[in-house]
Protein backbone atom coordinates (compact mmCIF):
# COMPACT_ATOMS: atom_id res chain seq x y z
CA MET A 1 96.69 132.07 51.41
CA ASP A 2 97.04 132.91 55.41
CA ASP A 3 100.76 132.04 54.62
CA LYS A 4 101.00 134.27 52.30
CA GLY A 5 99.17 137.06 53.47
CA VAL A 6 96.20 137.17 51.14
CA ASP A 7 92.90 137.88 52.81
CA ILE A 8 90.87 137.25 49.89
CA HIS A 9 91.60 135.72 46.41
CA VAL A 10 89.39 136.01 42.77
CA LEU A 11 89.01 132.55 41.50
CA SER A 12 89.50 132.70 37.54
CA LEU A 13 89.75 129.89 34.96
CA THR A 14 93.25 128.85 33.83
CA GLN A 15 94.10 127.96 30.15
CA PRO A 16 92.42 126.87 27.79
CA MET A 17 88.91 128.36 29.29
CA VAL A 18 86.14 127.94 26.78
CA TYR A 19 86.26 129.25 23.66
CA TRP A 20 87.84 126.27 21.89
CA ALA A 21 84.44 124.42 22.17
CA SER A 22 80.96 124.08 20.47
CA THR A 23 78.22 126.85 21.68
CA GLN A 24 76.62 124.41 24.05
CA LEU A 25 79.91 122.80 25.46
CA SER A 26 81.32 126.08 25.67
CA THR A 27 77.97 127.20 27.68
CA GLN A 28 78.05 124.30 29.91
CA LEU A 29 81.53 124.86 30.58
CA SER A 30 80.94 128.42 31.88
CA VAL A 31 77.99 127.46 33.49
CA ALA A 32 79.60 124.79 35.49
CA TYR A 33 82.98 127.05 36.33
CA ASN A 34 80.63 129.88 37.60
CA ASP A 35 78.46 127.81 39.52
CA ALA A 36 81.78 126.28 41.45
CA CYS A 37 82.82 129.72 42.06
CA ALA A 38 79.38 130.73 43.71
CA THR A 39 79.72 127.47 46.21
CA ALA A 40 83.40 128.34 47.14
CA HIS A 41 82.00 131.69 47.87
CA GLU A 42 79.15 130.40 50.12
CA ALA A 43 81.31 127.64 51.27
CA TYR A 44 84.35 130.73 52.46
CA PRO A 45 82.42 134.35 51.93
CA THR A 46 85.00 136.43 53.61
CA ARG A 47 87.79 134.51 51.53
CA PHE A 48 86.86 133.64 47.87
CA LEU A 49 85.13 135.62 45.20
CA GLY A 50 84.85 135.18 41.28
CA PHE A 51 85.12 136.64 37.77
CA ALA A 52 82.35 134.80 35.45
CA MET A 53 83.68 132.94 32.36
CA LEU A 54 81.52 133.59 29.14
CA PRO A 55 81.06 131.27 25.90
CA MET A 56 81.69 134.53 24.03
CA MET A 57 81.71 133.16 20.58
CA ASP A 58 77.57 133.05 21.02
CA THR A 59 76.84 136.42 21.85
CA LYS A 60 73.21 135.05 22.92
CA ALA A 61 74.57 132.51 25.10
CA ALA A 62 77.07 134.94 26.41
CA LEU A 63 74.30 137.06 27.73
CA LYS A 64 72.14 134.62 28.67
CA GLU A 65 74.96 133.17 30.90
CA LEU A 66 75.97 136.92 31.94
CA GLU A 67 72.72 137.74 32.95
CA ARG A 68 72.39 134.43 34.96
CA ALA A 69 76.14 134.17 36.38
CA ALA A 70 75.97 138.02 37.84
CA LYS A 71 72.99 137.19 40.08
CA LEU A 72 75.17 134.40 41.44
CA PRO A 73 76.78 135.16 45.33
CA GLY A 74 80.37 136.15 45.30
CA MET A 75 80.67 136.94 41.29
CA ARG A 76 82.60 140.30 40.94
CA GLY A 77 83.56 140.96 37.32
CA VAL A 78 84.26 139.10 34.01
CA TYR A 79 87.41 136.63 33.15
CA MET A 80 88.20 137.09 29.29
CA ALA A 81 90.97 136.22 26.95
CA THR A 82 93.21 138.96 25.07
CA GLN A 83 91.88 136.98 21.71
CA ILE A 84 88.86 135.03 21.52
CA ALA A 85 89.30 132.31 19.23
CA GLY A 86 91.45 134.08 16.94
CA ASN A 87 89.19 137.20 16.79
CA GLU A 88 90.34 140.37 18.30
CA LEU A 89 88.69 142.40 21.36
CA SER A 90 87.83 145.11 18.77
CA ASP A 91 85.35 142.88 17.06
CA GLU A 92 82.05 144.43 16.54
CA ARG A 93 80.64 140.83 17.57
CA PHE A 94 81.27 141.43 21.43
CA PHE A 95 79.75 144.91 21.91
CA PRO A 96 76.92 143.72 23.11
CA ILE A 97 78.66 141.81 25.76
CA TYR A 98 80.28 144.54 26.65
CA GLU A 99 77.42 146.95 26.61
CA ALA A 100 75.99 144.78 29.37
CA ILE A 101 79.09 144.22 31.67
CA GLN A 102 78.98 147.79 31.60
CA ASP A 103 75.89 148.14 32.50
CA LEU A 104 76.11 145.28 35.26
CA GLY A 105 79.11 148.15 36.64
CA PHE A 106 81.35 144.95 36.61
CA HIS A 107 85.07 145.13 35.01
CA ILE A 108 86.97 142.96 32.31
CA PHE A 109 89.98 141.04 33.68
CA LEU A 110 92.04 139.51 30.41
CA HIS A 111 94.55 136.77 30.66
CA PRO A 112 96.56 135.66 26.93
CA VAL A 113 95.40 132.07 26.12
CA ALA A 114 96.68 131.84 22.67
CA VAL A 115 99.96 133.82 21.56
CA VAL A 116 100.68 135.54 18.62
CA ASP A 117 103.27 133.10 16.33
CA PRO A 118 103.26 130.26 18.93
CA ALA A 119 105.81 128.41 16.91
CA ARG A 120 108.72 130.57 17.18
CA LEU A 121 107.86 130.51 20.69
CA LYS A 122 107.64 126.98 21.76
CA LYS A 123 111.31 126.63 22.66
CA PHE A 124 112.29 128.12 26.20
CA TYR A 125 108.90 128.49 27.49
CA LEU A 126 109.48 131.87 25.31
CA THR A 127 105.24 131.42 24.74
CA ASN A 128 104.92 132.78 28.47
CA PHE A 129 108.26 134.74 28.80
CA ILE A 130 107.84 136.90 25.99
CA GLY A 131 104.24 135.46 23.87
CA ASN A 132 102.08 136.45 27.02
CA PRO A 133 103.36 140.18 27.65
CA THR A 134 103.12 140.56 24.04
CA GLU A 135 99.42 139.63 24.23
CA SER A 136 98.60 142.24 26.59
CA ALA A 137 100.02 144.96 24.35
CA ILE A 138 98.08 143.64 21.30
CA ALA A 139 95.00 143.26 23.32
CA ALA A 140 95.27 146.93 24.60
CA SER A 141 95.89 148.13 21.02
CA HIS A 142 93.03 146.64 19.66
CA LEU A 143 90.73 148.16 22.33
CA ILE A 144 92.25 151.69 22.10
CA PHE A 145 92.13 151.62 18.14
CA GLY A 146 89.13 149.63 17.67
CA GLU A 147 87.30 152.66 19.65
CA VAL A 148 86.31 150.19 22.19
CA LEU A 149 87.09 152.11 25.15
CA ASP A 150 85.14 155.22 23.51
CA ARG A 151 82.13 153.18 22.98
CA PHE A 152 81.91 152.15 26.34
CA PRO A 153 83.26 154.97 28.77
CA GLU A 154 82.70 153.34 31.97
CA LEU A 155 84.34 149.97 30.81
CA THR A 156 87.34 148.91 32.85
CA PHE A 157 90.22 146.14 31.66
CA VAL A 158 92.34 144.61 34.01
CA LEU A 159 95.67 143.90 32.14
CA PRO A 160 97.77 141.07 33.84
CA HIS A 161 101.95 140.82 34.04
CA GLY A 162 102.07 144.65 34.48
CA GLY A 163 100.60 145.39 31.88
CA GLY A 164 102.64 143.18 29.60
CA THR A 165 104.47 145.13 27.21
CA PHE A 166 102.00 147.84 26.45
CA PRO A 167 103.18 150.53 29.50
CA TYR A 168 106.80 150.15 27.63
CA LEU A 169 105.23 150.89 23.99
CA ILE A 170 103.22 153.46 25.03
CA GLY A 171 105.33 156.22 23.59
CA ARG A 172 106.19 154.31 20.18
CA ILE A 173 102.27 153.62 19.75
CA THR A 174 101.38 157.34 20.28
CA HIS A 175 104.18 158.42 18.00
CA GLY A 176 102.83 156.03 15.54
CA TRP A 177 99.27 157.51 16.36
CA GLY A 178 100.29 160.85 15.27
CA VAL A 179 102.19 159.87 11.69
CA ARG A 180 100.36 156.95 10.48
CA ASP A 181 97.02 157.31 8.35
CA GLU A 182 95.55 154.46 9.26
CA CYS A 183 95.48 155.54 13.08
CA LYS A 184 94.04 159.04 12.10
CA HIS A 185 90.50 158.18 13.07
CA LEU A 186 91.39 158.03 16.78
CA LYS A 187 90.79 161.57 18.33
CA ASN A 188 92.59 161.17 21.16
CA ALA A 189 96.36 159.84 21.60
CA PRO A 190 96.54 156.60 23.04
CA GLU A 191 98.54 157.59 25.49
CA THR A 192 95.62 159.53 27.08
CA TYR A 193 93.80 155.76 27.46
CA LEU A 194 96.39 154.53 29.85
CA ARG A 195 94.50 155.04 32.68
CA ARG A 196 91.56 153.29 31.17
CA PHE A 197 93.06 150.16 31.98
CA TYR A 198 94.71 148.30 35.82
CA TYR A 199 97.74 146.81 35.87
CA ASP A 200 98.75 143.62 38.12
CA THR A 201 102.06 143.53 40.06
CA ILE A 202 103.55 140.92 38.20
CA THR A 203 106.63 142.10 36.54
CA HIS A 204 109.31 140.20 38.27
CA SER A 205 111.77 143.53 38.12
CA HIS A 206 111.81 146.64 40.77
CA PRO A 207 112.90 149.25 38.20
CA ALA A 208 109.96 147.95 36.09
CA LEU A 209 107.49 148.31 38.33
CA ASP A 210 108.70 151.40 39.55
CA TYR A 211 108.27 152.41 36.11
CA LEU A 212 104.92 150.95 35.85
CA ILE A 213 103.56 152.71 38.98
CA GLY A 214 105.27 156.18 38.13
CA LEU A 215 103.60 155.80 34.39
CA VAL A 216 99.92 155.11 35.32
CA GLY A 217 99.93 155.96 39.27
CA ALA A 218 99.58 154.11 41.78
CA ASP A 219 95.78 153.75 41.77
CA ARG A 220 95.93 152.11 39.17
CA VAL A 221 98.10 149.21 40.39
CA VAL A 222 96.61 145.91 42.04
CA LEU A 223 98.06 142.79 43.46
CA GLY A 224 98.81 140.37 41.48
CA SER A 225 99.89 136.64 42.10
CA ASP A 226 100.13 134.21 38.97
CA PHE A 227 99.01 131.59 41.39
CA CYS A 228 99.32 128.67 41.04
CA PHE A 229 101.82 128.28 37.97
CA ASP A 230 105.91 128.46 38.55
CA MET A 231 105.83 132.01 37.24
CA SER A 232 103.85 133.43 40.32
CA TYR A 233 104.86 135.25 42.70
CA GLN A 234 105.61 133.20 45.84
CA ARG A 235 104.90 136.15 48.58
CA PRO A 236 103.20 138.70 46.34
CA VAL A 237 102.15 140.83 49.36
CA ASP A 238 106.07 141.20 50.13
CA VAL A 239 106.58 142.40 46.71
CA VAL A 240 104.70 145.19 47.33
CA MET A 241 105.55 145.34 51.04
CA GLU A 242 109.69 145.39 50.55
CA HIS A 243 109.41 148.00 47.28
CA THR A 244 111.25 150.84 48.16
CA GLY A 245 109.79 154.35 47.03
CA LEU A 246 106.43 153.56 47.94
CA SER A 247 104.51 155.63 50.38
CA ASP A 248 102.60 153.85 52.93
CA ALA A 249 99.56 155.51 51.57
CA ASP A 250 100.15 153.92 47.77
CA ARG A 251 101.12 150.71 49.16
CA GLN A 252 97.36 150.27 50.80
CA LEU A 253 95.93 151.15 47.14
CA ILE A 254 97.84 148.21 45.29
CA LEU A 255 97.53 145.88 48.23
CA CYS A 256 93.82 146.18 48.95
CA GLY A 257 92.22 149.74 47.85
CA ASN A 258 92.43 149.62 44.24
CA ALA A 259 91.01 146.12 44.15
CA LYS A 260 87.73 146.89 46.60
CA LYS A 261 86.67 149.76 44.13
CA LEU A 262 87.10 147.04 41.28
CA LEU A 263 85.48 144.47 43.43
CA SER A 264 82.71 146.70 44.71
CA LEU A 265 84.19 145.72 48.53
CA GLU A 266 83.10 147.45 51.23
C-alpha cells in the first residue's frame, strides 16, 4: 500500500462470496469474514476498513448479521454480488435488508460473481473481460426498473469496473423506457438515476474514464484498484494523477474526497 500510494484499503470478500452455501454455512462464513475485517482494522486502524458480507438468501439471518457486523470496529458498508444465487437485486425478498442498510447510513458496494451466459464466455477469459462489466449494467437496470432506488431514496450503490457497460448504454436504456410498454411503470427516465450510483476508476481506457467523468461528474467517481488480481491497476493512484483534463479539485474528489463521504470518514 505504501509503495502504491494507497493510504486506506477497504477489505472485501472475493469470489465466490457466500451465497452458494446453506443458510447455516453462509452465516458462519459471513461471521468469520466480518470478524477478520474487524481484527485487521484493530491491528491497523488507520489503514484497513471493511465491507460486511451477509447471508443474503435468508432475510432473517442477513438482518441479524447486519445488526451485529455494523457494530464491529472499522465496518463501513456492505459488499454484495450483482445477482444473488440467480436472484436479481430487484427481488423483493431483499427489500427488508436494503431498508436496514439504508437506516444504518451504509452504502452497498457491488461486484459480479456469476455472469450472464458463462458457457459462451468461458474461452479467452471473456467471463471477466465482458461478463463482469455486463453484470453491472444488468444489476443497475434491475435496481432502476425494479424501483429499488425509488423505494429507498437514501440508499447508494457503487458499481465496479467504471460501472461496466451501464454508463455507455444509458442512452439506449432511456430510449427503450420511452417506447416500450413494459417499462412505462417507471415514472422517471433511467438517465436521471445515473447519479444514484458511484463508479470506480477501473476502465483501462483513458477515453472511457473521460466519458464516465463527463457523464456522471467527478463527485461520483472513486478510486478503484481491483487488487489483487491480474486485471488490477498496478498503480491506481497514478492512473488518476496522470489523467489529463482533470482539475486538482476533481483529482482530490476521486482520490479521497468521495471515498471519505461514502465511508463516513473525518
